[in-house]
């Protein structure tokens, strides 16, 4: 995608299209990071700050998934046997 750097008061601004914000889980005022990746080639990366991505809401919880889990239903009986050379003798 190509865009332009524009003036915003005494600063510079890059306009990010709404569909790009949505696809990244961002909205107005979301924290981002801006990193210079390659000065020679002039590459800058704009990315969501680590804590800015919205948590995915799933229709089930961790507690629900673990509710009826025991050694048999967790397939602990299907663990591989160690082979020679995979452990200290």
C-alpha atoms as a PDB file:
ATOM      1  CA  UNK A   1       0.000   0.000   0.000  1.00  0.00           C
ATOM      2  CA  UNK A   2       1.258   3.465  -0.783  1.00  0.00           C
ATOM      3  CA  UNK A   3       0.291   6.580   1.165  1.00  0.00           C
ATOM      4  CA  UNK A   4       1.851   9.932   2.056  1.00  0.00           C
ATOM      5  CA  UNK A   5       3.301  11.640   5.091  1.00  0.00           C
ATOM      6  CA  UNK A   6       1.210  14.728   5.819  1.00  0.00           C
ATOM      7  CA  UNK A   7       1.540  17.658   8.191  1.00  0.00           C
ATOM      8  CA  UNK A   8      -0.456  17.504  11.423  1.00  0.00           C
ATOM      9  CA  UNK A   9       0.163  20.626  13.456  1.00  0.00           C
ATOM     10  CA  UNK A  10       3.937  20.769  13.981  1.00  0.00           C
ATOM     11  CA  UNK A  11       4.233  16.999  13.474  1.00  0.00           C
ATOM     12  CA  UNK A  12       4.040  14.527  10.610  1.00  0.00           C
ATOM     13  CA  UNK A  13       1.245  11.974  10.234  1.00  0.00           C
ATOM     14  CA  UNK A  14       0.584   8.856   8.187  1.00  0.00           C
ATOM     15  CA  UNK A  15      -3.036   8.049   7.389  1.00  0.00           C
ATOM     16  CA  UNK A  16      -3.927   4.390   7.996  1.00  0.00           C
ATOM     17  CA  UNK A  17      -7.078   3.156   6.222  1.00  0.00           C
ATOM     18  CA  UNK A  18      -9.942   1.896   8.408  1.00  0.00           C
ATOM     19  CA  UNK A  19      -9.824  -1.606   6.916  1.00  0.00           C
ATOM     20  CA  UNK A  20      -6.149  -1.928   7.909  1.00  0.00           C
ATOM     21  CA  UNK A  21      -6.933  -0.826  11.478  1.00  0.00           C
ATOM     22  CA  UNK A  22      -9.804  -3.307  11.673  1.00  0.00           C
ATOM     23  CA  UNK A  23      -7.747  -6.202  10.328  1.00  0.00           C
ATOM     24  CA  UNK A  24      -5.090  -5.517  12.985  1.00  0.00           C
ATOM     25  CA  UNK A  25      -7.624  -5.205  15.810  1.00  0.00           C
ATOM     26  CA  UNK A  26      -6.821  -1.510  16.298  1.00  0.00           C
ATOM     27  CA  UNK A  27      -8.961   1.578  16.676  1.00  0.00           C
ATOM     28  CA  UNK A  28      -8.356   5.299  17.091  1.00  0.00           C
ATOM     29  CA  UNK A  29      -5.951   6.053  19.960  1.00  0.00           C
ATOM     30  CA  UNK A  30      -4.617   2.449  20.055  1.00  0.00           C
ATOM     31  CA  UNK A  31      -0.976   2.371  21.160  1.00  0.00           C
ATOM     32  CA  UNK A  32       1.486   1.409  18.424  1.00  0.00           C
ATOM     33  CA  UNK A  33       5.232   1.103  18.016  1.00  0.00           C
ATOM     34  CA  UNK A  34       7.250   2.642  15.194  1.00  0.00           C
ATOM     35  CA  UNK A  35      10.623   1.043  14.466  1.00  0.00           C
ATOM     36  CA  UNK A  36      13.292   1.837  11.896  1.00  0.00           C
ATOM     37  CA  UNK A  37      14.195  -1.577  10.500  1.00  0.00           C
ATOM     38  CA  UNK A  38      16.650  -0.663   7.749  1.00  0.00           C
ATOM     39  CA  UNK A  39      18.101   2.844   7.540  1.00  0.00           C
ATOM     40  CA  UNK A  40      19.888   2.132   4.258  1.00  0.00           C
ATOM     41  CA  UNK A  41      16.755   0.914   2.462  1.00  0.00           C
ATOM     42  CA  UNK A  42      14.514   3.290   4.428  1.00  0.00           C
ATOM     43  CA  UNK A  43      12.190   0.728   6.040  1.00  0.00           C
ATOM     44  CA  UNK A  44       9.916   1.653   8.928  1.00  0.00           C
ATOM     45  CA  UNK A  45       7.514  -0.773  10.617  1.00  0.00           C
ATOM     46  CA  UNK A  46       4.348   0.390  12.374  1.00  0.00           C
ATOM     47  CA  UNK A  47       2.949  -2.334  14.647  1.00  0.00           C
ATOM     48  CA  UNK A  48       0.433  -2.657  17.469  1.00  0.00           C
ATOM     49  CA  UNK A  49       2.021  -2.231  20.893  1.00  0.00           C
ATOM     50  CA  UNK A  50       2.180  -5.570  22.707  1.00  0.00           C
ATOM     51  CA  UNK A  51      -0.802  -4.759  24.898  1.00  0.00           C
ATOM     52  CA  UNK A  52      -2.923  -3.103  22.219  1.00  0.00           C
ATOM     53  CA  UNK A  53      -4.372  -6.115  20.416  1.00  0.00           C
ATOM     54  CA  UNK A  54      -7.854  -6.896  21.588  1.00  0.00           C
ATOM     55  CA  UNK A  55      -8.314 -10.228  23.308  1.00  0.00           C
ATOM     56  CA  UNK A  56     -10.078 -12.765  21.123  1.00  0.00           C
ATOM     57  CA  UNK A  57     -13.417 -13.702  22.652  1.00  0.00           C
ATOM     58  CA  UNK A  58     -13.946 -17.437  22.255  1.00  0.00           C
ATOM     59  CA  UNK A  59     -17.247 -19.229  22.897  1.00  0.00           C
ATOM     60  CA  UNK A  60     -15.600 -21.400  25.580  1.00  0.00           C
ATOM     61  CA  UNK A  61     -13.246 -20.872  28.511  1.00  0.00           C
ATOM     62  CA  UNK A  62     -10.100 -22.639  29.658  1.00  0.00           C
ATOM     63  CA  UNK A  63     -12.051 -23.977  32.644  1.00  0.00           C
ATOM     64  CA  UNK A  64     -14.667 -25.464  30.285  1.00  0.00           C
ATOM     65  CA  UNK A  65     -11.972 -27.180  28.190  1.00  0.00           C
ATOM     66  CA  UNK A  66     -10.344 -28.707  31.287  1.00  0.00           C
ATOM     67  CA  UNK A  67     -13.614 -29.607  33.018  1.00  0.00           C
ATOM     68  CA  UNK A  68     -13.654 -33.383  32.379  1.00  0.00           C
ATOM     69  CA  UNK A  69      -9.975 -33.857  31.659  1.00  0.00           C
ATOM     70  CA  UNK A  70      -8.166 -36.721  33.377  1.00  0.00           C
ATOM     71  CA  UNK A  71      -5.184 -38.941  32.530  1.00  0.00           C
ATOM     72  CA  UNK A  72      -7.269 -41.085  30.162  1.00  0.00           C
ATOM     73  CA  UNK A  73      -9.122 -38.304  28.327  1.00  0.00           C
ATOM     74  CA  UNK A  74      -5.908 -36.282  27.998  1.00  0.00           C
ATOM     75  CA  UNK A  75      -4.382 -39.234  26.099  1.00  0.00           C
ATOM     76  CA  UNK A  76      -1.544 -39.522  28.602  1.00  0.00           C
ATOM     77  CA  UNK A  77      -1.628 -43.246  27.803  1.00  0.00           C
ATOM     78  CA  UNK A  78      -0.491 -42.466  24.252  1.00  0.00           C
ATOM     79  CA  UNK A  79       2.840 -40.897  25.201  1.00  0.00           C
ATOM     80  CA  UNK A  80       5.825 -42.196  23.258  1.00  0.00           C
ATOM     81  CA  UNK A  81       8.375 -44.466  24.911  1.00  0.00           C
ATOM     82  CA  UNK A  82      11.875 -43.035  25.187  1.00  0.00           C
ATOM     83  CA  UNK A  83      14.371 -44.469  22.750  1.00  0.00           C
ATOM     84  CA  UNK A  84      18.042 -45.168  23.396  1.00  0.00           C
ATOM     85  CA  UNK A  85      20.045 -41.971  23.058  1.00  0.00           C
ATOM     86  CA  UNK A  86      17.126 -39.746  24.104  1.00  0.00           C
ATOM     87  CA  UNK A  87      18.081 -39.846  27.765  1.00  0.00           C
ATOM     88  CA  UNK A  88      21.221 -40.149  29.893  1.00  0.00           C
ATOM     89  CA  UNK A  89      22.174 -43.739  30.627  1.00  0.00           C
END
